[in-house]
Amino acid sequence: LGGRRVLRAAMAAAYVDPAATEVLAPSGKGVSTGTSIIAVCYDGGVVLGADSRTSTGIYVANRVSDKLTAVHDRVYCCRSGSAADTQAVSDYVRRYLRDHALELPEGRLPSVKTASHLFRQICYGNKDALMAGIIVAGWDEKEGGQVYSIPLGGTCIRAPYAVGGSGSTYIYGWIDGAYRAGMSKDECLDFVRNALAHAMARDGSSGGVIRTVVIDKDGCERGFVPGDRLPYKPT
């Protein structure tokens, strides 16, 4: 019941009247994360990764932005689309998960599924006013490592891995050939870094550095690959 109350509150509080879109989003191009994001399950947890380029049209507004956002202790999201929209949605979800955690027995954390469905409720309920493609991933005691993809429109799909952003279109074939189930933590990290490096090499809207997060029963571990040490660069 507590989870349902949180979902209802998310829908009510986060709803944006489509008629107000012109006021909320004035004319002209907004800041876009025009991006490459990925999350992959491995045997024991998940790895999330993203590039760091944020653009406004053809102008790079931020070379080292962080598109991996924590929404609870063991749940993160990867953000693509409008930077303002995705930041606002993730702030809402973080707040609702914090409130939901207070209703749970002591020592128990919100599930990844609950977090993903909060994102879904907000994105679907405001699909006419938002430009947000989000990947939710994390670890919980009940189901272990999980990845949920929430593309534009608010559909929520669980999968062993998910990719998103403008750079993802360049690497679907590479991922199909390189991915395999049951990877170890180190193998999964290498897979994520190589996938992002290939996307960044081909996509003009992706670039900068690679940021990663590994989430398992022991917690979260941040990783970083500088732009001059990427595992793949075009020749």
Protein backbone atom coordinates (compact mmCIF):
# COMPACT_ATOMS: atom_id res chain seq x y z
CA LEU A 1 0.00 0.00 0.00
CA GLY A 2 2.85 2.35 0.78
CA GLY A 3 4.28 1.84 -2.71
CA ARG A 4 0.91 2.64 -4.30
CA ARG A 5 0.64 5.86 -2.30
CA VAL A 6 4.09 6.92 -3.50
CA LEU A 7 3.16 6.20 -7.13
CA ARG A 8 -0.10 8.15 -6.85
CA ALA A 9 1.70 11.08 -5.25
CA ALA A 10 4.32 11.01 -8.02
CA MET A 11 1.66 11.18 -10.73
CA ALA A 12 -0.25 13.99 -9.03
CA ALA A 13 2.70 16.16 -8.08
CA ALA A 14 4.79 15.68 -11.21
CA TYR A 15 2.00 16.21 -13.76
CA VAL A 16 2.62 19.09 -16.13
CA ASP A 17 -0.30 20.60 -18.03
CA PRO A 18 0.57 20.32 -21.77
CA ALA A 19 -0.99 23.76 -22.25
CA ALA A 20 1.79 25.20 -20.11
CA THR A 21 4.57 23.74 -22.25
CA GLU A 22 5.30 27.04 -24.03
CA VAL A 23 5.84 28.75 -20.70
CA LEU A 24 8.02 25.96 -19.31
CA ALA A 25 10.00 25.48 -22.52
CA PRO A 26 10.52 28.82 -24.28
CA SER A 27 11.37 28.94 -27.96
CA GLY A 28 14.89 28.02 -29.00
CA LYS A 29 17.00 24.93 -28.40
CA GLY A 30 17.37 23.73 -24.83
CA VAL A 31 20.39 22.03 -23.35
CA SER A 32 20.49 18.42 -24.54
CA THR A 33 22.52 15.54 -23.20
CA GLY A 34 22.81 14.22 -26.84
CA THR A 35 24.53 11.24 -25.48
CA SER A 36 25.58 7.62 -25.17
CA ILE A 37 24.34 5.69 -22.12
CA ILE A 38 24.38 2.00 -21.25
CA ALA A 39 23.60 -0.34 -18.34
CA VAL A 40 24.42 -4.06 -18.24
CA CYS A 41 23.71 -6.84 -15.75
CA TYR A 42 26.54 -9.13 -14.74
CA ASP A 43 26.76 -12.09 -12.39
CA GLY A 44 26.22 -10.28 -9.08
CA GLY A 45 25.25 -6.74 -10.00
CA VAL A 46 25.05 -4.11 -12.72
CA VAL A 47 27.38 -1.68 -14.48
CA LEU A 48 26.15 1.70 -15.74
CA GLY A 49 28.13 3.96 -18.05
CA ALA A 50 27.83 7.22 -19.94
CA ASP A 51 29.83 9.75 -21.91
CA SER A 52 30.08 13.33 -20.60
CA ARG A 53 29.20 15.69 -23.47
CA THR A 54 26.26 18.10 -23.01
CA SER A 55 25.33 20.17 -26.05
CA THR A 56 23.13 23.08 -27.08
CA GLY A 57 22.64 22.64 -30.81
CA ILE A 58 26.16 22.36 -32.24
CA TYR A 59 27.73 24.05 -29.19
CA VAL A 60 29.22 21.84 -26.49
CA ALA A 61 27.92 23.40 -23.26
CA ASN A 62 29.74 21.01 -20.90
CA ARG A 63 32.52 18.56 -21.75
CA VAL A 64 32.52 16.72 -18.41
CA SER A 65 28.90 16.53 -17.24
CA ASP A 66 27.77 13.62 -15.07
CA LYS A 67 24.81 11.73 -16.60
CA LEU A 68 24.82 8.98 -13.95
CA THR A 69 22.50 10.09 -11.16
CA ALA A 70 21.92 8.35 -7.83
CA VAL A 71 18.27 8.13 -6.80
CA HIS A 72 18.86 5.90 -3.76
CA ASP A 73 21.66 3.93 -2.09
CA ARG A 74 21.79 1.15 -4.69
CA VAL A 75 19.76 2.60 -7.57
CA TYR A 76 21.11 4.88 -10.29
CA CYS A 77 19.74 6.23 -13.54
CA CYS A 78 21.41 7.15 -16.84
CA ARG A 79 19.92 10.30 -18.39
CA SER A 80 19.48 11.23 -22.06
CA GLY A 81 17.35 13.83 -23.80
CA SER A 82 16.73 17.26 -22.29
CA ALA A 83 19.11 17.88 -19.40
CA ALA A 84 16.53 20.00 -17.57
CA ASP A 85 13.76 17.40 -17.97
CA THR A 86 15.84 14.45 -16.86
CA GLN A 87 17.28 16.33 -13.88
CA ALA A 88 13.79 17.34 -12.75
CA VAL A 89 12.40 13.81 -13.12
CA SER A 90 15.32 12.24 -11.25
CA ASP A 91 14.90 14.81 -8.45
CA TYR A 92 11.22 13.85 -8.12
CA VAL A 93 12.04 10.14 -8.00
CA ARG A 94 14.82 10.65 -5.45
CA ARG A 95 12.41 12.52 -3.18
CA TYR A 96 9.65 9.87 -3.51
CA LEU A 97 12.08 7.01 -2.90
CA ARG A 98 13.37 8.75 0.21
CA ASP A 99 9.80 9.04 1.52
CA HIS A 100 9.03 5.45 0.51
CA ALA A 101 12.12 4.19 2.36
CA LEU A 102 10.71 5.61 5.60
CA GLU A 103 7.72 3.28 5.26
CA LEU A 104 9.86 0.16 4.87
CA PRO A 105 11.13 -2.06 7.71
CA GLU A 106 14.42 -0.90 9.19
CA GLY A 107 17.40 -1.92 7.09
CA ARG A 108 15.38 -2.59 3.94
CA LEU A 109 15.98 -0.47 0.84
CA PRO A 110 13.53 0.45 -1.96
CA SER A 111 13.57 -2.03 -4.83
CA VAL A 112 14.91 -1.22 -8.29
CA LYS A 113 11.49 -2.12 -9.70
CA THR A 114 9.81 0.51 -7.52
CA ALA A 115 12.28 3.14 -8.70
CA SER A 116 11.77 2.22 -12.36
CA HIS A 117 7.99 2.40 -12.05
CA LEU A 118 8.20 5.82 -10.42
CA PHE A 119 10.19 7.00 -13.46
CA ARG A 120 7.62 5.35 -15.72
CA GLN A 121 4.66 7.02 -14.01
CA ILE A 122 6.19 10.47 -14.30
CA CYS A 123 7.51 10.06 -17.87
CA TYR A 124 4.31 8.47 -19.20
CA GLY A 125 2.00 10.92 -17.41
CA ASN A 126 3.91 13.85 -18.91
CA LYS A 127 4.98 12.35 -22.24
CA ASP A 128 3.66 15.38 -24.18
CA ALA A 129 5.78 17.79 -22.15
CA LEU A 130 9.02 15.84 -21.51
CA MET A 131 11.96 14.78 -23.63
CA ALA A 132 13.53 12.17 -21.38
CA GLY A 133 15.06 8.80 -22.17
CA ILE A 134 16.17 7.08 -18.98
CA ILE A 135 17.82 3.81 -18.00
CA VAL A 136 17.28 2.72 -14.38
CA ALA A 137 19.61 0.12 -12.90
CA GLY A 138 20.61 -1.13 -9.49
CA TRP A 139 20.70 -4.00 -7.01
CA ASP A 140 18.27 -5.17 -4.34
CA GLU A 141 18.03 -8.21 -2.06
CA LYS A 142 14.97 -9.66 -3.78
CA GLU A 143 16.02 -9.76 -7.44
CA GLY A 144 19.70 -8.83 -7.49
CA GLY A 145 21.01 -6.70 -10.36
CA GLN A 146 18.35 -5.28 -12.68
CA VAL A 147 18.17 -2.97 -15.69
CA TYR A 148 15.04 -1.14 -16.85
CA SER A 149 14.83 0.96 -20.01
CA ILE A 150 12.36 3.89 -20.13
CA PRO A 151 12.56 5.46 -23.60
CA LEU A 152 10.66 8.53 -24.83
CA GLY A 153 6.95 8.05 -24.13
CA GLY A 154 7.32 6.29 -20.78
CA THR A 155 7.35 2.57 -21.63
CA CYS A 156 9.18 0.51 -18.98
CA ILE A 157 11.06 -2.58 -20.19
CA ARG A 158 13.27 -4.88 -18.14
CA ALA A 159 16.23 -6.35 -20.03
CA PRO A 160 19.68 -7.83 -19.34
CA TYR A 161 21.17 -4.66 -20.87
CA ALA A 162 19.94 -1.35 -22.27
CA VAL A 163 21.50 1.38 -24.39
CA GLY A 164 20.22 4.84 -25.19
CA GLY A 165 21.01 8.28 -26.55
CA SER A 166 22.10 9.41 -29.99
CA GLY A 167 25.30 7.37 -29.85
CA SER A 168 23.46 4.09 -29.27
CA THR A 169 22.43 3.83 -32.93
CA TYR A 170 26.06 3.35 -33.93
CA ILE A 171 26.80 0.41 -31.64
CA TYR A 172 23.79 -1.94 -31.72
CA GLY A 173 25.61 -4.30 -34.06
CA TRP A 174 28.79 -4.20 -31.97
CA ILE A 175 26.79 -4.95 -28.82
CA ASP A 176 24.95 -7.86 -30.46
CA GLY A 177 28.30 -9.39 -31.36
CA ALA A 178 30.18 -8.70 -28.11
CA TYR A 179 27.53 -9.19 -25.41
CA ARG A 180 27.24 -12.48 -23.56
CA ALA A 181 25.25 -13.43 -20.49
CA GLY A 182 26.94 -14.23 -17.19
CA MET A 183 29.92 -11.88 -17.53
CA SER A 184 32.10 -11.19 -14.51
CA LYS A 185 32.37 -7.70 -13.02
CA ASP A 186 35.65 -6.93 -14.82
CA GLU A 187 34.38 -8.32 -18.14
CA CYS A 188 31.23 -6.24 -17.85
CA LEU A 189 33.22 -3.08 -17.10
CA ASP A 190 35.40 -3.66 -20.17
CA PHE A 191 32.28 -4.29 -22.26
CA VAL A 192 30.65 -1.01 -21.13
CA ARG A 193 33.81 1.03 -21.65
CA ASN A 194 34.40 -0.37 -25.13
CA ALA A 195 30.77 0.15 -26.15
CA LEU A 196 30.86 3.79 -25.06
CA ALA A 197 34.24 4.41 -26.68
CA HIS A 198 32.90 3.14 -30.04
CA ALA A 199 29.77 5.31 -29.73
CA MET A 200 31.82 8.39 -28.82
CA ALA A 201 34.10 7.82 -31.80
CA ARG A 202 31.20 7.90 -34.28
CA ASP A 203 28.58 10.18 -32.74
CA GLY A 204 29.24 13.91 -32.91
CA SER A 205 26.92 14.55 -29.97
CA SER A 206 28.82 12.16 -27.67
CA GLY A 207 32.30 12.64 -26.31
CA GLY A 208 34.44 13.72 -23.39
CA VAL A 209 35.21 11.13 -20.72
CA ILE A 210 33.60 7.84 -19.68
CA ARG A 211 31.95 7.61 -16.27
CA THR A 212 30.88 4.25 -14.82
CA VAL A 213 29.12 2.98 -11.70
CA VAL A 214 29.24 -0.63 -10.47
CA ILE A 215 26.39 -1.57 -8.11
CA ASP A 216 26.21 -4.82 -6.15
CA LYS A 217 25.43 -6.10 -2.65
CA ASP A 218 28.48 -4.28 -1.28
CA GLY A 219 27.42 -0.85 -2.55
CA CYS A 220 28.37 1.48 -5.41
CA GLU A 221 31.78 2.00 -6.97
CA ARG A 222 32.42 4.94 -9.29
CA GLY A 223 34.82 4.70 -12.23
CA PHE A 224 36.36 7.19 -14.66
CA VAL A 225 38.23 6.92 -17.98
CA PRO A 226 39.89 10.14 -19.24
CA GLY A 227 39.33 11.20 -22.83
CA ASP A 228 42.97 10.48 -23.78
CA ARG A 229 42.80 6.89 -22.45
CA LEU A 230 39.66 5.59 -24.15
CA PRO A 231 39.90 1.90 -25.13
CA TYR A 232 38.96 2.68 -28.76
CA LYS A 233 39.65 5.64 -31.02
CA PRO A 234 39.03 5.95 -34.77
CA THR A 235 42.14 5.57 -36.90
